Amino acid sequence: FELTGLSLKITNVQLNDAGTYECRGVSKRRYLTIYVNDV
């Protein structure tokens, strides 16, 4: 995992990385749900 500013970079994505991530600021939040395809 690498955090740069407002970005979250995941290297070598794994199945257990699937799920919802919260980007939390002082008074606002954004949720990002990541689905992972098993290839």
All heavy atoms as atom14 arrays in JSON, in Angstrom:
{
  "sequence": "FELTGLSLKITNVQLNDAGTYECRGVSKRRYLTIYVNDV",
  "atom14_mask": [
    [1, 1, 1, 1, 1, 1, 1, 1, 1, 1, 1, 0, 0, 0],
    [1, 1, 1, 1, 1, 1, 1, 1, 1, 0, 0, 0, 0, 0],
    [1, 1, 1, 1, 1, 1, 1, 1, 0, 0, 0, 0, 0, 0],
    [1, 1, 1, 1, 1, 1, 1, 0, 0, 0, 0, 0, 0, 0],
    [1, 1, 1, 1, 0, 0, 0, 0, 0, 0, 0, 0, 0, 0],
    [1, 1, 1, 1, 1, 1, 1, 1, 0, 0, 0, 0, 0, 0],
    [1, 1, 1, 1, 1, 1, 0, 0, 0, 0, 0, 0, 0, 0],
    [1, 1, 1, 1, 1, 1, 1, 1, 0, 0, 0, 0, 0, 0],
    [1, 1, 1, 1, 1, 1, 1, 1, 1, 0, 0, 0, 0, 0],
    [1, 1, 1, 1, 1, 1, 1, 1, 0, 0, 0, 0, 0, 0],
    [1, 1, 1, 1, 1, 1, 1, 0, 0, 0, 0, 0, 0, 0],
    [1, 1, 1, 1, 1, 1, 1, 1, 0, 0, 0, 0, 0, 0],
    [1, 1, 1, 1, 1, 1, 1, 0, 0, 0, 0, 0, 0, 0],
    [1, 1, 1, 1, 1, 1, 1, 1, 1, 0, 0, 0, 0, 0],
    [1, 1, 1, 1, 1, 1, 1, 1, 0, 0, 0, 0, 0, 0],
    [1, 1, 1, 1, 1, 1, 1, 1, 0, 0, 0, 0, 0, 0],
    [1, 1, 1, 1, 1, 1, 1, 1, 0, 0, 0, 0, 0, 0],
    [1, 1, 1, 1, 1, 0, 0, 0, 0, 0, 0, 0, 0, 0],
    [1, 1, 1, 1, 0, 0, 0, 0, 0, 0, 0, 0, 0, 0],
    [1, 1, 1, 1, 1, 1, 1, 0, 0, 0, 0, 0, 0, 0],
    [1, 1, 1, 1, 1, 1, 1, 1, 1, 1, 1, 1, 0, 0],
    [1, 1, 1, 1, 1, 1, 1, 1, 1, 0, 0, 0, 0, 0],
    [1, 1, 1, 1, 1, 1, 0, 0, 0, 0, 0, 0, 0, 0],
    [1, 1, 1, 1, 1, 1, 1, 1, 1, 1, 1, 0, 0, 0],
    [1, 1, 1, 1, 0, 0, 0, 0, 0, 0, 0, 0, 0, 0],
    [1, 1, 1, 1, 1, 1, 1, 0, 0, 0, 0, 0, 0, 0],
    [1, 1, 1, 1, 1, 1, 0, 0, 0, 0, 0, 0, 0, 0],
    [1, 1, 1, 1, 1, 1, 1, 1, 1, 0, 0, 0, 0, 0],
    [1, 1, 1, 1, 1, 1, 1, 1, 1, 1, 1, 0, 0, 0],
    [1, 1, 1, 1, 1, 1, 1, 1, 1, 1, 1, 0, 0, 0],
    [1, 1, 1, 1, 1, 1, 1, 1, 1, 1, 1, 1, 0, 0],
    [1, 1, 1, 1, 1, 1, 1, 1, 0, 0, 0, 0, 0, 0],
    [1, 1, 1, 1, 1, 1, 1, 0, 0, 0, 0, 0, 0, 0],
    [1, 1, 1, 1, 1, 1, 1, 1, 0, 0, 0, 0, 0, 0],
    [1, 1, 1, 1, 1, 1, 1, 1, 1, 1, 1, 1, 0, 0],
    [1, 1, 1, 1, 1, 1, 1, 0, 0, 0, 0, 0, 0, 0],
    [1, 1, 1, 1, 1, 1, 1, 1, 0, 0, 0, 0, 0, 0],
    [1, 1, 1, 1, 1, 1, 1, 1, 0, 0, 0, 0, 0, 0],
    [1, 1, 1, 1, 1, 1, 1, 0, 0, 0, 0, 0, 0, 0]
  ],
  "atom14_positions": [
    [[0.83, -1.2, 0.0], [0.0, 0.0, 0.0], [0.87, 1.26, 0.0], [1.82, 1.35, 0.77], [-0.92, 0.01, 1.23], [-1.93, -1.1, 1.21], [-1.65, -2.32, 1.8], [-3.15, -0.93, 0.6], [-2.56, -3.35, 1.78], [-4.09, -1.95, 0.58], [-3.78, -3.17, 1.17], [0.0, 0.0, 0.0], [0.0, 0.0, 0.0], [0.0, 0.0, 0.0]],
    [[0.5, 2.22, -0.84], [1.22, 3.49, -0.9], [0.21, 4.63, -0.9], [-0.71, 4.66, -1.72], [2.06, 3.55, -2.17], [2.84, 4.83, -2.33], [3.6, 4.87, -3.65], [3.93, 3.81, -4.21], [3.84, 6.0, -4.13], [0.0, 0.0, 0.0], [0.0, 0.0, 0.0], [0.0, 0.0, 0.0], [0.0, 0.0, 0.0], [0.0, 0.0, 0.0]],
    [[0.36, 5.54, 0.06], [-0.52, 6.72, 0.16], [0.23, 7.94, -0.34], [1.33, 8.23, 0.13], [-0.95, 6.93, 1.61], [-1.71, 5.77, 2.25], [-1.93, 6.03, 3.72], [-3.02, 5.52, 1.55], [0.0, 0.0, 0.0], [0.0, 0.0, 0.0], [0.0, 0.0, 0.0], [0.0, 0.0, 0.0], [0.0, 0.0, 0.0], [0.0, 0.0, 0.0]],
    [[-0.38, 8.63, -1.3], [0.21, 9.85, -1.83], [-0.91, 10.88, -1.98], [-1.79, 10.72, -2.84], [0.86, 9.61, -3.21], [1.75, 8.5, -3.12], [1.61, 10.83, -3.68], [0.0, 0.0, 0.0], [0.0, 0.0, 0.0], [0.0, 0.0, 0.0], [0.0, 0.0, 0.0], [0.0, 0.0, 0.0], [0.0, 0.0, 0.0], [0.0, 0.0, 0.0]],
    [[-0.9, 11.89, -1.15], [-1.96, 12.9, -1.22], [-3.31, 12.25, -1.0], [-3.56, 11.63, 0.02], [0.0, 0.0, 0.0], [0.0, 0.0, 0.0], [0.0, 0.0, 0.0], [0.0, 0.0, 0.0], [0.0, 0.0, 0.0], [0.0, 0.0, 0.0], [0.0, 0.0, 0.0], [0.0, 0.0, 0.0], [0.0, 0.0, 0.0], [0.0, 0.0, 0.0]],
    [[-4.18, 12.36, -1.99], [-5.52, 11.79, -1.9], [-5.61, 10.4, -2.53], [-6.7, 9.84, -2.65], [-6.53, 12.72, -2.57], [-6.7, 14.08, -1.91], [-7.57, 14.98, -2.77], [-7.29, 13.95, -0.52], [0.0, 0.0, 0.0], [0.0, 0.0, 0.0], [0.0, 0.0, 0.0], [0.0, 0.0, 0.0], [0.0, 0.0, 0.0], [0.0, 0.0, 0.0]],
    [[-4.48, 9.83, -2.96], [-4.48, 8.55, -3.68], [-4.03, 7.39, -2.81], [-3.14, 7.52, -1.97], [-3.56, 8.63, -4.9], [-4.04, 9.58, -5.81], [0.0, 0.0, 0.0], [0.0, 0.0, 0.0], [0.0, 0.0, 0.0], [0.0, 0.0, 0.0], [0.0, 0.0, 0.0], [0.0, 0.0, 0.0], [0.0, 0.0, 0.0], [0.0, 0.0, 0.0]],
    [[-4.65, 6.24, -3.05], [-4.28, 4.97, -2.43], [-3.89, 4.03, -3.56], [-4.71, 3.73, -4.43], [-5.44, 4.38, -1.63], [-5.29, 2.94, -1.15], [-4.16, 2.81, -0.15], [-6.6, 2.44, -0.55], [0.0, 0.0, 0.0], [0.0, 0.0, 0.0], [0.0, 0.0, 0.0], [0.0, 0.0, 0.0], [0.0, 0.0, 0.0], [0.0, 0.0, 0.0]],
    [[-2.64, 3.59, -3.56], [-2.13, 2.67, -4.58], [-1.93, 1.3, -3.94], [-1.29, 1.19, -2.9], [-0.82, 3.2, -5.15], [-0.2, 2.31, -6.2], [1.1, 2.94, -6.7], [1.81, 2.09, -7.72], [3.07, 2.73, -8.16], [0.0, 0.0, 0.0], [0.0, 0.0, 0.0], [0.0, 0.0, 0.0], [0.0, 0.0, 0.0], [0.0, 0.0, 0.0]],
    [[-2.49, 0.27, -4.58], [-2.33, -1.11, -4.12], [-1.55, -1.86, -5.18], [-1.98, -1.96, -6.33], [-3.68, -1.8, -3.87], [-4.56, -0.97, -2.92], [-3.47, -3.21, -3.32], [-5.97, -1.49, -2.78], [0.0, 0.0, 0.0], [0.0, 0.0, 0.0], [0.0, 0.0, 0.0], [0.0, 0.0, 0.0], [0.0, 0.0, 0.0], [0.0, 0.0, 0.0]],
    [[-0.4, -2.38, -4.81], [0.44, -3.15, -5.72], [0.13, -4.63, -5.52], [-0.07, -5.08, -4.4], [1.93, -2.9, -5.42], [2.17, -1.49, -5.52], [2.84, -3.61, -6.4], [0.0, 0.0, 0.0], [0.0, 0.0, 0.0], [0.0, 0.0, 0.0], [0.0, 0.0, 0.0], [0.0, 0.0, 0.0], [0.0, 0.0, 0.0], [0.0, 0.0, 0.0]],
    [[0.09, -5.38, -6.62], [-0.18, -6.82, -6.57], [-1.49, -7.09, -5.82], [-1.52, -7.76, -4.78], [0.98, -7.59, -5.95], [0.82, -9.09, -6.11], [0.11, -9.56, -6.99], [1.48, -9.84, -5.24], [0.0, 0.0, 0.0], [0.0, 0.0, 0.0], [0.0, 0.0, 0.0], [0.0, 0.0, 0.0], [0.0, 0.0, 0.0], [0.0, 0.0, 0.0]],
    [[-2.59, -6.57, -6.36], [-3.91, -6.7, -5.74], [-4.23, -8.17, -5.47], [-4.05, -9.03, -6.33], [-4.99, -6.07, -6.65], [-6.39, -6.35, -6.12], [-4.76, -4.57, -6.8], [0.0, 0.0, 0.0], [0.0, 0.0, 0.0], [0.0, 0.0, 0.0], [0.0, 0.0, 0.0], [0.0, 0.0, 0.0], [0.0, 0.0, 0.0], [0.0, 0.0, 0.0]],
    [[-4.72, -8.45, -4.26], [-5.09, -9.8, -3.83], [-6.6, -9.86, -3.6], [-7.25, -8.84, -3.4], [-4.36, -10.16, -2.53], [-2.85, -10.09, -2.62], [-2.31, -11.09, -3.63], [-2.58, -12.28, -3.53], [-1.56, -10.6, -4.6], [0.0, 0.0, 0.0], [0.0, 0.0, 0.0], [0.0, 0.0, 0.0], [0.0, 0.0, 0.0], [0.0, 0.0, 0.0]],
    [[-7.15, -11.06, -3.62], [-8.59, -11.22, -3.41], [-9.04, -10.62, -2.09], [-10.12, -10.03, -2.0], [-8.98, -12.7, -3.47], [-8.89, -13.35, -4.85], [-9.18, -14.84, -4.74], [-9.83, -12.69, -5.83], [0.0, 0.0, 0.0], [0.0, 0.0, 0.0], [0.0, 0.0, 0.0], [0.0, 0.0, 0.0], [0.0, 0.0, 0.0], [0.0, 0.0, 0.0]],
    [[-8.21, -10.73, -1.04], [-8.63, -10.19, 0.26], [-8.53, -8.66, 0.33], [-8.88, -8.07, 1.33], [-7.87, -10.84, 1.41], [-6.38, -10.57, 1.38], [-5.87, -9.97, 0.43], [-5.68, -11.02, 2.39], [0.0, 0.0, 0.0], [0.0, 0.0, 0.0], [0.0, 0.0, 0.0], [0.0, 0.0, 0.0], [0.0, 0.0, 0.0], [0.0, 0.0, 0.0]],
    [[-8.06, -8.02, -0.75], [-8.08, -6.55, -0.82], [-9.47, -6.05, -1.19], [-9.76, -4.85, -1.08], [-7.07, -6.02, -1.84], [-5.63, -6.29, -1.43], [-5.35, -6.32, -0.21], [-4.79, -6.46, -2.34], [0.0, 0.0, 0.0], [0.0, 0.0, 0.0], [0.0, 0.0, 0.0], [0.0, 0.0, 0.0], [0.0, 0.0, 0.0], [0.0, 0.0, 0.0]],
    [[-10.34, -6.93, -1.66], [-11.7, -6.54, -2.02], [-12.42, -6.01, -0.79], [-12.2, -6.49, 0.32], [-12.46, -7.72, -2.6], [0.0, 0.0, 0.0], [0.0, 0.0, 0.0], [0.0, 0.0, 0.0], [0.0, 0.0, 0.0], [0.0, 0.0, 0.0], [0.0, 0.0, 0.0], [0.0, 0.0, 0.0], [0.0, 0.0, 0.0], [0.0, 0.0, 0.0]],
    [[-13.24, -5.01, -0.98], [-14.01, -4.46, 0.12], [-14.18, -2.97, -0.02], [-13.85, -2.38, -1.05], [0.0, 0.0, 0.0], [0.0, 0.0, 0.0], [0.0, 0.0, 0.0], [0.0, 0.0, 0.0], [0.0, 0.0, 0.0], [0.0, 0.0, 0.0], [0.0, 0.0, 0.0], [0.0, 0.0, 0.0], [0.0, 0.0, 0.0], [0.0, 0.0, 0.0]],
    [[-14.68, -2.35, 1.02], [-14.94, -0.93, 1.01], [-13.86, -0.2, 1.79], [-13.5, -0.59, 2.9], [-16.33, -0.62, 1.6], [-17.31, -1.3, 0.81], [-16.63, 0.87, 1.59], [0.0, 0.0, 0.0], [0.0, 0.0, 0.0], [0.0, 0.0, 0.0], [0.0, 0.0, 0.0], [0.0, 0.0, 0.0], [0.0, 0.0, 0.0], [0.0, 0.0, 0.0]],
    [[-13.34, 0.85, 1.19], [-12.31, 1.69, 1.78], [-12.9, 3.07, 2.04], [-13.69, 3.57, 1.26], [-11.1, 1.81, 0.85], [-10.37, 0.5, 0.69], [-10.84, -0.49, -0.17], [-9.22, 0.22, 1.42], [-10.19, -1.7, -0.3], [-8.56, -0.98, 1.29], [-9.06, -1.94, 0.43], [-8.4, -3.15, 0.31], [0.0, 0.0, 0.0], [0.0, 0.0, 0.0]],
    [[-12.51, 3.65, 3.16], [-13.0, 4.97, 3.55], [-11.86, 5.96, 3.48], [-10.8, 5.75, 4.07], [-13.55, 4.92, 4.96], [-14.0, 6.26, 5.49], [-14.44, 6.17, 6.95], [-14.3, 5.11, 7.58], [-14.9, 7.2, 7.46], [0.0, 0.0, 0.0], [0.0, 0.0, 0.0], [0.0, 0.0, 0.0], [0.0, 0.0, 0.0], [0.0, 0.0, 0.0]],
    [[-12.07, 7.03, 2.76], [-11.13, 8.15, 2.7], [-11.74, 9.2, 3.63], [-12.78, 9.79, 3.33], [-11.04, 8.65, 1.26], [-10.12, 10.17, 1.09], [0.0, 0.0, 0.0], [0.0, 0.0, 0.0], [0.0, 0.0, 0.0], [0.0, 0.0, 0.0], [0.0, 0.0, 0.0], [0.0, 0.0, 0.0], [0.0, 0.0, 0.0], [0.0, 0.0, 0.0]],
    [[-11.11, 9.43, 4.78], [-11.71, 10.23, 5.85], [-11.01, 11.56, 6.0], [-9.83, 11.63, 6.32], [-11.63, 9.44, 7.15], [-12.34, 10.09, 8.32], [-12.15, 9.31, 9.59], [-12.74, 7.98, 9.52], [-12.64, 7.08, 10.48], [-11.97, 7.35, 11.58], [-13.21, 5.9, 10.34], [0.0, 0.0, 0.0], [0.0, 0.0, 0.0], [0.0, 0.0, 0.0]],
    [[-11.76, 12.63, 5.78], [-11.27, 13.97, 6.05], [-11.82, 14.46, 7.37], [-12.43, 13.7, 8.13], [0.0, 0.0, 0.0], [0.0, 0.0, 0.0], [0.0, 0.0, 0.0], [0.0, 0.0, 0.0], [0.0, 0.0, 0.0], [0.0, 0.0, 0.0], [0.0, 0.0, 0.0], [0.0, 0.0, 0.0], [0.0, 0.0, 0.0], [0.0, 0.0, 0.0]],
    [[-11.65, 15.73, 7.66], [-12.11, 16.29, 8.93], [-13.63, 16.27, 9.04], [-14.19, 15.85, 10.04], [-11.56, 17.72, 9.12], [-12.13, 18.35, 10.38], [-10.05, 17.7, 9.18], [0.0, 0.0, 0.0], [0.0, 0.0, 0.0], [0.0, 0.0, 0.0], [0.0, 0.0, 0.0], [0.0, 0.0, 0.0], [0.0, 0.0, 0.0], [0.0, 0.0, 0.0]],
    [[-14.33, 16.69, 7.99], [-15.78, 16.77, 8.07], [-16.5, 16.02, 6.94], [-17.72, 16.0, 6.91], [-16.24, 18.23, 8.06], [-15.87, 18.84, 6.84], [0.0, 0.0, 0.0], [0.0, 0.0, 0.0], [0.0, 0.0, 0.0], [0.0, 0.0, 0.0], [0.0, 0.0, 0.0], [0.0, 0.0, 0.0], [0.0, 0.0, 0.0], [0.0, 0.0, 0.0]],
    [[-15.73, 15.41, 6.01], [-16.35, 14.68, 4.91], [-15.6, 13.37, 4.69], [-14.41, 13.26, 4.97], [-16.31, 15.51, 3.62], [-17.15, 16.77, 3.71], [-17.13, 17.53, 2.42], [-17.95, 18.8, 2.56], [-17.91, 19.61, 1.35], [0.0, 0.0, 0.0], [0.0, 0.0, 0.0], [0.0, 0.0, 0.0], [0.0, 0.0, 0.0], [0.0, 0.0, 0.0]],
    [[-16.34, 12.4, 4.15], [-15.77, 11.1, 3.87], [-16.23, 10.63, 2.5], [-17.31, 10.98, 2.06], [-16.21, 10.07, 4.91], [-15.75, 10.43, 6.28], [-16.28, 9.48, 7.31], [-15.81, 9.95, 8.62], [-16.14, 9.4, 9.75], [-16.96, 8.37, 9.77], [-15.69, 9.87, 10.88], [0.0, 0.0, 0.0], [0.0, 0.0, 0.0], [0.0, 0.0, 0.0]],
    [[-15.42, 9.81, 1.87], [-15.81, 9.16, 0.63], [-15.53, 7.68, 0.8], [-14.53, 7.29, 1.4], [-15.05, 9.69, -0.56], [-15.28, 8.78, -1.78], [-14.8, 9.35, -3.04], [-15.93, 10.09, -3.6], [-15.83, 11.01, -4.52], [-14.66, 11.36, -4.98], [-16.88, 11.6, -5.0], [0.0, 0.0, 0.0], [0.0, 0.0, 0.0], [0.0, 0.0, 0.0]],
    [[-16.41, 6.86, 0.26], [-16.25, 5.41, 0.33], [-15.99, 4.88, -1.08], [-16.64, 5.29, -2.03], [-17.5, 4.77, 0.93], [-17.7, 5.19, 2.37], [-18.44, 6.33, 2.69], [-17.13, 4.47, 3.4], [-18.61, 6.73, 4.0], [-17.29, 4.87, 4.72], [-18.04, 5.99, 5.01], [-18.18, 6.39, 6.31], [0.0, 0.0, 0.0], [0.0, 0.0, 0.0]],
    [[-15.04, 3.97, -1.19], [-14.71, 3.34, -2.46], [-14.77, 1.83, -2.26], [-14.07, 1.3, -1.39], [-13.31, 3.75, -2.93], [-13.19, 5.25, -3.21], [-12.2, 5.87, -2.26], [-12.81, 5.47, -4.63], [0.0, 0.0, 0.0], [0.0, 0.0, 0.0], [0.0, 0.0, 0.0], [0.0, 0.0, 0.0], [0.0, 0.0, 0.0], [0.0, 0.0, 0.0]],
    [[-15.59, 1.17, -3.02], [-15.69, -0.28, -2.93], [-14.9, -0.89, -4.06], [-15.11, -0.56, -5.22], [-17.16, -0.73, -2.98], [-17.89, -0.11, -1.91], [-17.27, -2.25, -2.86], [0.0, 0.0, 0.0], [0.0, 0.0, 0.0], [0.0, 0.0, 0.0], [0.0, 0.0, 0.0], [0.0, 0.0, 0.0], [0.0, 0.0, 0.0], [0.0, 0.0, 0.0]],
    [[-13.97, -1.76, -3.7], [-13.1, -2.4, -4.68], [-13.52, -3.86, -4.82], [-13.59, -4.6, -3.83], [-11.62, -2.31, -4.27], [-11.19, -0.83, -4.22], [-10.73, -3.11, -5.21], [-9.77, -0.61, -3.74], [0.0, 0.0, 0.0], [0.0, 0.0, 0.0], [0.0, 0.0, 0.0], [0.0, 0.0, 0.0], [0.0, 0.0, 0.0], [0.0, 0.0, 0.0]],
    [[-13.82, -4.24, -6.05], [-14.12, -5.62, -6.37], [-12.88, -6.2, -7.06], [-12.26, -5.52, -7.88], [-15.31, -5.72, -7.32], [-16.6, -5.2, -6.7], [-17.01, -3.89, -6.92], [-17.39, -6.03, -5.91], [-18.18, -3.41, -6.35], [-18.56, -5.55, -5.34], [-18.95, -4.24, -5.57], [-20.1, -3.76, -5.01], [0.0, 0.0, 0.0], [0.0, 0.0, 0.0]],
    [[-12.53, -7.44, -6.76], [-11.33, -8.05, -7.33], [-11.74, -9.28, -8.13], [-12.38, -10.19, -7.6], [-10.31, -8.43, -6.25], [-9.09, -9.09, -6.86], [-9.9, -7.2, -5.44], [0.0, 0.0, 0.0], [0.0, 0.0, 0.0], [0.0, 0.0, 0.0], [0.0, 0.0, 0.0], [0.0, 0.0, 0.0], [0.0, 0.0, 0.0], [0.0, 0.0, 0.0]],
    [[-11.36, -9.28, -9.43], [-11.6, -10.44, -10.29], [-10.52, -11.47, -10.09], [-9.32, -11.14, -10.14], [-11.6, -10.02, -11.77], [-12.77, -9.14, -12.12], [-13.88, -9.35, -11.66], [-12.52, -8.15, -12.95], [0.0, 0.0, 0.0], [0.0, 0.0, 0.0], [0.0, 0.0, 0.0], [0.0, 0.0, 0.0], [0.0, 0.0, 0.0], [0.0, 0.0, 0.0]],
    [[-10.9, -12.71, -9.88], [-9.95, -13.81, -9.76], [-9.57, -14.23, -11.18], [-10.41, -14.71, -11.92], [-10.62, -14.97, -9.01], [-9.68, -16.14, -8.79], [-8.47, -15.99, -9.02], [-10.18, -17.19, -8.38], [0.0, 0.0, 0.0], [0.0, 0.0, 0.0], [0.0, 0.0, 0.0], [0.0, 0.0, 0.0], [0.0, 0.0, 0.0], [0.0, 0.0, 0.0]],
    [[-8.32, -13.98, -11.56], [-7.89, -14.3, -12.93], [-7.04, -15.54, -12.98], [-6.56, -16.04, -12.02], [-7.12, -13.13, -13.58], [-8.08, -12.0, -13.85], [-5.98, -12.67, -12.73], [0.0, 0.0, 0.0], [0.0, 0.0, 0.0], [0.0, 0.0, 0.0], [0.0, 0.0, 0.0], [0.0, 0.0, 0.0], [0.0, 0.0, 0.0], [0.0, 0.0, 0.0]]
  ]
}
